[in-house]
Amino acid sequence: MRYFIELSYNGKAYHGWQNQPNAISVQEVLENALSTVLNEPVAVVGAGRTDAGVHACQMFAHFDFEDILESKDLIYKLNSFLPRDVATSKVFSVLPEAHARFDALSRTYNYKISTVKNVFNYDYAHKVHLPLDMDAMNAACQILFNYKDFQCFSKVHTSVKTYNCDIKEAFWSQHSNQLIFTIRADRFLRNMVRAIVGTMVNIGLGKIKPEDLHDIINSKDRGKAGTSVSAHGLYLTEIIYPENIKLED
């Protein structure tokens, strides 16, 4: 049987989601916990590959197991074995061909910028000392909807068949002393959100104009876009799947 597992994690201590030979990953600790609880080797496939230091409020992965699992008991045991910065919340059975990565309809990220020095969010929001023009940044967001090819925001030397992404939502909002960028799309390129935010910060600082975004995107040149902002301000917040992949609630 195939199962989906929903989890969240604080990415500070991890070198991203994906297993790596010489660094600790979220995938590794989840597989170790599942293998211990289920008493056999278990491999998981994640919905995406968050970078080192990136957090996830909601992440999904799938795994296969021969027997029927009792969800509440498994979650309790998993959370007992997992480190304190990784938590599971749901396990549910899905269709045998369901895939955590390829069946996702959309993914949503938030990026948090702190406008003041705050000792309590130092590791969880990017600090920008100078005032940012949020109206200009939101004007730039509207330009994103005119395009599909976002090669200019992609990490170079990455093996993808296409740089096309369908951005469904993008906007900045203010919450007290934080500016939060929300972006939702069917897929994202490596480093894409952090590169977009870095470019938006340049717009907010008045270094470039919102309309300059047209030339940046059309150039397909990573060097034309802004510097990628730090990973610790980035959060994967939601992944949407078709309802019909579930076998049970």
C-alpha atoms as a PDB file:
ATOM      1  CA  MET A   1       0.000   0.000   0.000  1.00  0.00           C
ATOM      2  CA  ARG A   2       1.103   3.563  -0.597  1.00  0.00           C
ATOM      3  CA  TYR A   3       0.881   6.191   2.122  1.00  0.00           C
ATOM      4  CA  PHE A   4       1.251   9.951   2.235  1.00  0.00           C
ATOM      5  CA  ILE A   5       2.784  11.485   5.327  1.00  0.00           C
ATOM      6  CA  GLU A   6       2.379  15.151   6.272  1.00  0.00           C
ATOM      7  CA  LEU A   7       5.151  16.778   8.267  1.00  0.00           C
ATOM      8  CA  SER A   8       6.707  20.098   9.245  1.00  0.00           C
ATOM      9  CA  TYR A   9      10.259  21.016  10.098  1.00  0.00           C
ATOM     10  CA  ASN A  10      12.560  23.744  11.265  1.00  0.00           C
ATOM     11  CA  GLY A  11      15.261  23.703   8.601  1.00  0.00           C
ATOM     12  CA  LYS A  12      17.999  25.429  10.590  1.00  0.00           C
ATOM     13  CA  ALA A  13      19.976  22.272  11.395  1.00  0.00           C
ATOM     14  CA  TYR A  14      19.511  20.552   8.028  1.00  0.00           C
ATOM     15  CA  HIS A  15      21.178  20.676   4.639  1.00  0.00           C
ATOM     16  CA  GLY A  16      17.795  20.660   2.942  1.00  0.00           C
ATOM     17  CA  TRP A  17      15.237  17.928   2.359  1.00  0.00           C
ATOM     18  CA  GLN A  18      17.178  15.662  -0.005  1.00  0.00           C
ATOM     19  CA  ASN A  19      19.484  12.893   1.210  1.00  0.00           C
ATOM     20  CA  GLN A  20      23.177  13.787   0.910  1.00  0.00           C
ATOM     21  CA  PRO A  21      26.268  11.623   1.482  1.00  0.00           C
ATOM     22  CA  ASN A  22      28.053  13.858   3.997  1.00  0.00           C
ATOM     23  CA  ALA A  23      25.327  16.038   5.524  1.00  0.00           C
ATOM     24  CA  ILE A  24      22.177  15.565   7.576  1.00  0.00           C
ATOM     25  CA  SER A  25      18.863  15.994   5.733  1.00  0.00           C
ATOM     26  CA  VAL A  26      15.181  15.963   6.722  1.00  0.00           C
ATOM     27  CA  GLN A  27      14.591  12.994   4.414  1.00  0.00           C
ATOM     28  CA  GLU A  28      17.262  11.012   6.239  1.00  0.00           C
ATOM     29  CA  VAL A  29      15.846  11.552   9.727  1.00  0.00           C
ATOM     30  CA  LEU A  30      12.302  10.776   8.528  1.00  0.00           C
ATOM     31  CA  GLU A  31      13.417   7.560   6.813  1.00  0.00           C
ATOM     32  CA  ASN A  32      15.357   6.520   9.916  1.00  0.00           C
ATOM     33  CA  ALA A  33      12.334   7.097  12.151  1.00  0.00           C
ATOM     34  CA  LEU A  34       9.944   5.262   9.820  1.00  0.00           C
ATOM     35  CA  SER A  35      12.356   2.342   9.446  1.00  0.00           C
ATOM     36  CA  THR A  36      12.708   2.073  13.224  1.00  0.00           C
ATOM     37  CA  VAL A  37       8.977   2.228  13.938  1.00  0.00           C
ATOM     38  CA  LEU A  38       7.972  -0.134  11.110  1.00  0.00           C
ATOM     39  CA  ASN A  39      10.935  -2.465  11.716  1.00  0.00           C
ATOM     40  CA  GLU A  40      12.041  -2.577   8.071  1.00  0.00           C
ATOM     41  CA  PRO A  41      13.870  -0.231   5.663  1.00  0.00           C
ATOM     42  CA  VAL A  42      11.528   2.499   4.408  1.00  0.00           C
ATOM     43  CA  ALA A  43      12.343   5.023   1.678  1.00  0.00           C
ATOM     44  CA  VAL A  44      10.295   8.195   1.227  1.00  0.00           C
ATOM     45  CA  VAL A  45       9.791  10.461  -1.784  1.00  0.00           C
ATOM     46  CA  GLY A  46       9.222  14.114  -0.951  1.00  0.00           C
ATOM     47  CA  ALA A  47       7.005  16.693  -2.609  1.00  0.00           C
ATOM     48  CA  GLY A  48      10.030  18.875  -3.306  1.00  0.00           C
ATOM     49  CA  ARG A  49      13.630  19.632  -2.414  1.00  0.00           C
ATOM     50  CA  THR A  50      13.873  22.540  -0.004  1.00  0.00           C
ATOM     51  CA  ASP A  51      17.384  24.007   0.265  1.00  0.00           C
ATOM     52  CA  ALA A  52      19.624  24.047   3.328  1.00  0.00           C
ATOM     53  CA  GLY A  53      18.124  26.175   6.094  1.00  0.00           C
ATOM     54  CA  VAL A  54      14.657  26.451   4.526  1.00  0.00           C
ATOM     55  CA  HIS A  55      11.679  25.652   6.785  1.00  0.00           C
ATOM     56  CA  ALA A  56       8.442  23.818   6.017  1.00  0.00           C
ATOM     57  CA  CYS A  57       5.118  24.407   7.729  1.00  0.00           C
ATOM     58  CA  GLN A  58       3.658  21.724   5.485  1.00  0.00           C
ATOM     59  CA  MET A  59       5.557  19.070   3.560  1.00  0.00           C
ATOM     60  CA  PHE A  60       4.348  15.763   2.143  1.00  0.00           C
ATOM     61  CA  ALA A  61       6.163  12.571   1.254  1.00  0.00           C
ATOM     62  CA  HIS A  62       5.023   9.139   0.152  1.00  0.00           C
ATOM     63  CA  PHE A  63       6.236   5.679   1.098  1.00  0.00           C
ATOM     64  CA  ASP A  64       5.160   2.091   0.484  1.00  0.00           C
ATOM     65  CA  PHE A  65       4.370  -0.459   3.170  1.00  0.00           C
ATOM     66  CA  GLU A  66       2.770  -3.893   2.825  1.00  0.00           C
ATOM     67  CA  ASP A  67       0.438  -3.806   5.827  1.00  0.00           C
ATOM     68  CA  ILE A  68      -2.424  -1.521   6.869  1.00  0.00           C
ATOM     69  CA  LEU A  69      -1.203   1.203   9.226  1.00  0.00           C
ATOM     70  CA  GLU A  70      -3.095   2.795  12.083  1.00  0.00           C
ATOM     71  CA  SER A  71      -2.546   6.523  11.595  1.00  0.00           C
ATOM     72  CA  LYS A  72      -2.765   7.879  15.149  1.00  0.00           C
ATOM     73  CA  ASP A  73      -0.525   5.196  16.602  1.00  0.00           C
ATOM     74  CA  LEU A  74       2.076   5.666  13.846  1.00  0.00           C
ATOM     75  CA  ILE A  75       2.131   9.455  14.256  1.00  0.00           C
ATOM     76  CA  TYR A  76       2.598   9.133  18.024  1.00  0.00           C
ATOM     77  CA  LYS A  77       5.486   6.693  17.620  1.00  0.00           C
ATOM     78  CA  LEU A  78       7.136   8.687  14.843  1.00  0.00           C
ATOM     79  CA  ASN A  79       7.058  11.910  16.832  1.00  0.00           C
ATOM     80  CA  SER A  80       8.668  10.065  19.741  1.00  0.00           C
ATOM     81  CA  PHE A  81      11.587   9.021  17.538  1.00  0.00           C
ATOM     82  CA  LEU A  82      11.944  12.175  15.452  1.00  0.00           C
ATOM     83  CA  PRO A  83      14.111  15.075  16.684  1.00  0.00           C
ATOM     84  CA  ARG A  84      12.288  18.067  18.142  1.00  0.00           C
ATOM     85  CA  ASP A  85      12.679  20.104  14.937  1.00  0.00           C
ATOM     86  CA  VAL A  86      10.706  17.609  12.784  1.00  0.00           C
ATOM     87  CA  ALA A  87       7.069  16.670  13.425  1.00  0.00           C
ATOM     88  CA  THR A  88       4.509  14.510  11.650  1.00  0.00           C
ATOM     89  CA  SER A  89       0.793  15.343  11.728  1.00  0.00           C
ATOM     90  CA  LYS A  90      -0.986  12.964   9.310  1.00  0.00           C
ATOM     91  CA  VAL A  91      -0.540   9.619   7.600  1.00  0.00           C
ATOM     92  CA  PHE A  92      -3.156   8.452   5.091  1.00  0.00           C
ATOM     93  CA  SER A  93      -3.444   5.827   2.379  1.00  0.00           C
ATOM     94  CA  VAL A  94      -3.570   6.887  -1.264  1.00  0.00           C
ATOM     95  CA  LEU A  95      -3.942   5.320  -4.677  1.00  0.00           C
ATOM     96  CA  PRO A  96      -1.032   3.002  -5.570  1.00  0.00           C
ATOM     97  CA  GLU A  97       0.163   5.351  -8.334  1.00  0.00           C
ATOM     98  CA  ALA A  98      -0.142   8.575  -6.283  1.00  0.00           C
ATOM     99  CA  HIS A  99       3.107  10.568  -6.172  1.00  0.00           C
ATOM    100  CA  ALA A 100       3.995  13.214  -3.602  1.00  0.00           C
ATOM    101  CA  ARG A 101       6.000  15.260  -6.089  1.00  0.00           C
ATOM    102  CA  PHE A 102       4.319  14.822  -9.450  1.00  0.00           C
ATOM    103  CA  ASP A 103       0.700  14.917  -8.276  1.00  0.00           C
ATOM    104  CA  ALA A 104       1.021  18.242  -6.440  1.00  0.00           C
ATOM    105  CA  LEU A 105      -1.221  20.866  -8.047  1.00  0.00           C
ATOM    106  CA  SER A 106       0.444  23.840  -6.386  1.00  0.00           C
ATOM    107  CA  ARG A 107       2.982  24.830  -3.771  1.00  0.00           C
ATOM    108  CA  THR A 108       2.978  28.007  -1.677  1.00  0.00           C
ATOM    109  CA  TYR A 109       5.995  29.691  -0.110  1.00  0.00           C
ATOM    110  CA  ASN A 110       6.263  32.605   2.303  1.00  0.00           C
ATOM    111  CA  TYR A 111       9.381  34.713   2.677  1.00  0.00           C
ATOM    112  CA  LYS A 112       9.701  36.805   5.846  1.00  0.00           C
ATOM    113  CA  ILE A 113      11.610  40.073   6.078  1.00  0.00           C
ATOM    114  CA  SER A 114      12.052  41.770   9.433  1.00  0.00           C
ATOM    115  CA  THR A 115      12.189  45.572   9.297  1.00  0.00           C
ATOM    116  CA  VAL A 116      13.581  45.895  12.834  1.00  0.00           C
ATOM    117  CA  LYS A 117      16.200  44.011  14.815  1.00  0.00           C
ATOM    118  CA  ASN A 118      14.357  41.278  16.679  1.00  0.00           C
ATOM    119  CA  VAL A 119      16.313  38.848  18.840  1.00  0.00           C
ATOM    120  CA  PHE A 120      13.471  36.319  18.747  1.00  0.00           C
ATOM    121  CA  ASN A 121      13.262  35.924  14.973  1.00  0.00           C
ATOM    122  CA  TYR A 122      16.936  36.366  14.152  1.00  0.00           C
ATOM    123  CA  ASP A 123      17.151  32.862  12.688  1.00  0.00           C
ATOM    124  CA  TYR A 124      13.714  32.909  11.042  1.00  0.00           C
ATOM    125  CA  ALA A 125      13.443  36.141   9.063  1.00  0.00           C
ATOM    126  CA  HIS A 126      15.750  38.102   6.766  1.00  0.00           C
ATOM    127  CA  LYS A 127      16.715  41.527   8.142  1.00  0.00           C
ATOM    128  CA  VAL A 128      16.553  44.594   5.890  1.00  0.00           C
ATOM    129  CA  HIS A 129      17.688  47.787   7.620  1.00  0.00           C
ATOM    130  CA  LEU A 130      16.431  50.340   5.088  1.00  0.00           C
ATOM    131  CA  PRO A 131      12.758  51.167   4.325  1.00  0.00           C
ATOM    132  CA  LEU A 132      11.178  49.156   1.515  1.00  0.00           C
ATOM    133  CA  ASP A 133       8.530  50.480  -0.882  1.00  0.00           C
ATOM    134  CA  MET A 134       5.920  47.736  -0.642  1.00  0.00           C
ATOM    135  CA  ASP A 135       3.709  49.375  -3.302  1.00  0.00           C
ATOM    136  CA  ALA A 136       6.547  49.143  -5.824  1.00  0.00           C
ATOM    137  CA  MET A 137       7.217  45.538  -4.819  1.00  0.00           C
ATOM    138  CA  ASN A 138       3.552  44.633  -5.292  1.00  0.00           C
ATOM    139  CA  ALA A 139       3.558  46.360  -8.676  1.00  0.00           C
ATOM    140  CA  ALA A 140       6.458  44.094  -9.627  1.00  0.00           C
ATOM    141  CA  CYS A 141       4.459  41.077  -8.471  1.00  0.00           C
ATOM    142  CA  GLN A 142       1.827  41.842 -11.090  1.00  0.00           C
ATOM    143  CA  ILE A 143       4.492  41.671 -13.803  1.00  0.00           C
ATOM    144  CA  LEU A 144       5.317  38.077 -12.844  1.00  0.00           C
ATOM    145  CA  PHE A 145       1.890  36.937 -14.088  1.00  0.00           C
ATOM    146  CA  ASN A 146       2.823  37.955 -17.648  1.00  0.00           C
ATOM    147  CA  TYR A 147       5.518  35.277 -17.907  1.00  0.00           C
ATOM    148  CA  LYS A 148       6.054  31.530 -17.740  1.00  0.00           C
ATOM    149  CA  ASP A 149       9.821  31.180 -18.332  1.00  0.00           C
ATOM    150  CA  PHE A 150      11.736  32.126 -15.187  1.00  0.00           C
ATOM    151  CA  GLN A 151      15.233  30.985 -16.101  1.00  0.00           C
ATOM    152  CA  CYS A 152      16.611  34.300 -14.809  1.00  0.00           C
ATOM    153  CA  PHE A 153      15.648  33.239 -11.263  1.00  0.00           C
ATOM    154  CA  SER A 154      16.957  29.684 -11.508  1.00  0.00           C
ATOM    155  CA  LYS A 155      20.161  28.409 -10.011  1.00  0.00           C
ATOM    156  CA  VAL A 156      22.661  27.853 -12.828  1.00  0.00           C
ATOM    157  CA  HIS A 157      23.902  24.380 -13.812  1.00  0.00           C
ATOM    158  CA  THR A 158      20.658  22.730 -12.790  1.00  0.00           C
ATOM    159  CA  SER A 159      19.224  19.834 -14.777  1.00  0.00           C
ATOM    160  CA  VAL A 160      15.625  20.707 -15.661  1.00  0.00           C
ATOM    161  CA  LYS A 161      13.731  20.073 -18.886  1.00  0.00           C
ATOM    162  CA  THR A 162      11.895  23.405 -18.719  1.00  0.00           C
ATOM    163  CA  TYR A 163      12.126  26.697 -16.854  1.00  0.00           C
ATOM    164  CA  ASN A 164       8.372  27.264 -17.190  1.00  0.00           C
ATOM    165  CA  CYS A 165       6.330  27.827 -14.035  1.00  0.00           C
ATOM    166  CA  ASP A 166       2.700  28.871 -13.721  1.00  0.00           C
ATOM    167  CA  ILE A 167       2.610  31.512 -10.976  1.00  0.00           C
ATOM    168  CA  LYS A 168      -0.921  31.635  -9.594  1.00  0.00           C
ATOM    169  CA  GLU A 169      -0.451  34.131  -6.753  1.00  0.00           C
ATOM    170  CA  ALA A 170       2.241  36.619  -5.686  1.00  0.00           C
ATOM    171  CA  PHE A 171       1.969  39.532  -3.264  1.00  0.00           C
ATOM    172  CA  TRP A 172       3.601  41.338  -0.332  1.00  0.00           C
ATOM    173  CA  SER A 173       1.795  42.046   2.942  1.00  0.00           C
ATOM    174  CA  GLN A 174       2.831  43.742   6.181  1.00  0.00           C
ATOM    175  CA  HIS A 175       2.371  42.204   9.606  1.00  0.00           C
ATOM    176  CA  SER A 176       3.628  44.539  12.312  1.00  0.00           C
ATOM    177  CA  ASN A 177       7.398  44.784  11.748  1.00  0.00           C
ATOM    178  CA  GLN A 178       7.495  42.038   9.144  1.00  0.00           C
ATOM    179  CA  LEU A 179       6.993  42.083   5.396  1.00  0.00           C
ATOM    180  CA  ILE A 180       5.834  38.721   4.060  1.00  0.00           C
ATOM    181  CA  PHE A 181       6.050  37.659   0.438  1.00  0.00           C
ATOM    182  CA  THR A 182       3.540  34.984  -0.590  1.00  0.00           C
ATOM    183  CA  ILE A 183       3.930  33.119  -3.862  1.00  0.00           C
ATOM    184  CA  ARG A 184       2.000  30.118  -5.193  1.00  0.00           C
ATOM    185  CA  ALA A 185       2.790  28.186  -8.371  1.00  0.00           C
ATOM    186  CA  ASP A 186       2.494  24.751  -9.903  1.00  0.00           C
ATOM    187  CA  ARG A 187       6.256  24.268  -9.548  1.00  0.00           C
ATOM    188  CA  PHE A 188       9.397  26.199  -8.601  1.00  0.00           C
ATOM    189  CA  LEU A 189      12.945  26.186  -9.907  1.00  0.00           C
ATOM    190  CA  ARG A 190      15.934  25.758  -7.612  1.00  0.00           C
ATOM    191  CA  ASN A 191      16.584  28.977  -5.685  1.00  0.00           C
ATOM    192  CA  MET A 192      13.700  30.674  -7.547  1.00  0.00           C
ATOM    193  CA  VAL A 193      11.819  32.228  -4.625  1.00  0.00           C
ATOM    194  CA  ARG A 194      14.952  33.577  -2.956  1.00  0.00           C
ATOM    195  CA  ALA A 195      16.121  35.095  -6.256  1.00  0.00           C
ATOM    196  CA  ILE A 196      12.714  36.717  -6.837  1.00  0.00           C
ATOM    197  CA  VAL A 197      12.755  38.179  -3.316  1.00  0.00           C
ATOM    198  CA  GLY A 198      16.298  39.496  -3.793  1.00  0.00           C
ATOM    199  CA  THR A 199      15.162  41.234  -6.971  1.00  0.00           C
ATOM    200  CA  MET A 200      12.053  42.583  -5.233  1.00  0.00           C
ATOM    201  CA  VAL A 201      14.203  43.996  -2.426  1.00  0.00           C
ATOM    202  CA  ASN A 202      16.209  45.923  -5.027  1.00  0.00           C
ATOM    203  CA  ILE A 203      12.923  47.305  -6.321  1.00  0.00           C
ATOM    204  CA  GLY A 204      11.764  48.158  -2.791  1.00  0.00           C
ATOM    205  CA  LEU A 205      15.030  49.987  -2.137  1.00  0.00           C
ATOM    206  CA  GLY A 206      14.646  51.985  -5.358  1.00  0.00           C
ATOM    207  CA  LYS A 207      17.742  50.505  -6.980  1.00  0.00           C
ATOM    208  CA  ILE A 208      15.683  49.398  -9.966  1.00  0.00           C
ATOM    209  CA  LYS A 209      12.122  50.112 -11.107  1.00  0.00           C
ATOM    210  CA  PRO A 210       9.252  47.588 -11.178  1.00  0.00           C
ATOM    211  CA  GLU A 211       9.140  47.754 -14.988  1.00  0.00           C
ATOM    212  CA  ASP A 212      12.814  46.701 -15.128  1.00  0.00           C
ATOM    213  CA  LEU A 213      11.541  43.254 -14.229  1.00  0.00           C
ATOM    214  CA  HIS A 214      10.442  42.776 -17.857  1.00  0.00           C
ATOM    215  CA  ASP A 215      14.020  43.056 -19.119  1.00  0.00           C
ATOM    216  CA  ILE A 216      15.348  40.843 -16.309  1.00  0.00           C
ATOM    217  CA  ILE A 217      12.908  38.033 -17.074  1.00  0.00           C
ATOM    218  CA  ASN A 218      13.314  38.311 -20.831  1.00  0.00           C
ATOM    219  CA  SER A 219      17.108  38.140 -20.484  1.00  0.00           C
ATOM    220  CA  LYS A 220      16.929  34.598 -19.037  1.00  0.00           C
ATOM    221  CA  ASP A 221      20.201  35.548 -17.333  1.00  0.00           C
ATOM    222  CA  ARG A 222      20.607  34.783 -13.614  1.00  0.00           C
ATOM    223  CA  GLY A 223      23.210  37.523 -13.425  1.00  0.00           C
ATOM    224  CA  LYS A 224      20.618  40.172 -14.292  1.00  0.00           C
ATOM    225  CA  ALA A 225      18.366  39.329 -11.327  1.00  0.00           C
ATOM    226  CA  GLY A 226      19.025  40.249  -7.708  1.00  0.00           C
ATOM    227  CA  THR A 227      21.186  38.367  -5.243  1.00  0.00           C
ATOM    228  CA  SER A 228      19.428  35.473  -3.530  1.00  0.00           C
ATOM    229  CA  VAL A 229      18.320  36.346  -0.013  1.00  0.00           C
ATOM    230  CA  SER A 230      19.180  34.101   2.926  1.00  0.00           C
ATOM    231  CA  ALA A 231      17.474  30.725   3.270  1.00  0.00           C
ATOM    232  CA  HIS A 232      16.317  31.097   6.867  1.00  0.00           C
ATOM    233  CA  GLY A 233      13.516  33.503   5.925  1.00  0.00           C
ATOM    234  CA  LEU A 234      11.879  31.011   3.512  1.00  0.00           C
ATOM    235  CA  TYR A 235       8.962  28.748   4.448  1.00  0.00           C
ATOM    236  CA  LEU A 236       7.121  26.133   2.416  1.00  0.00           C
ATOM    237  CA  THR A 237       3.596  26.694   3.739  1.00  0.00           C
ATOM    238  CA  GLU A 238       1.132  24.668   1.663  1.00  0.00           C
ATOM    239  CA  ILE A 239       0.958  21.895  -0.936  1.00  0.00           C
ATOM    240  CA  ILE A 240      -2.324  21.120  -2.689  1.00  0.00           C
ATOM    241  CA  TYR A 241      -3.227  17.707  -4.150  1.00  0.00           C
ATOM    242  CA  PRO A 242      -6.284  16.386  -6.001  1.00  0.00           C
ATOM    243  CA  GLU A 243      -8.815  15.013  -3.533  1.00  0.00           C
ATOM    244  CA  ASN A 244      -9.273  11.821  -5.535  1.00  0.00           C
ATOM    245  CA  ILE A 245      -5.811  10.442  -4.717  1.00  0.00           C
ATOM    246  CA  LYS A 246      -6.909   9.648  -1.145  1.00  0.00           C
ATOM    247  CA  LEU A 247      -8.315   6.292  -0.170  1.00  0.00           C
ATOM    248  CA  GLU A 248      -9.444   7.513   3.259  1.00  0.00           C
ATOM    249  CA  ASP A 249      -9.676  10.686   5.345  1.00  0.00           C
END
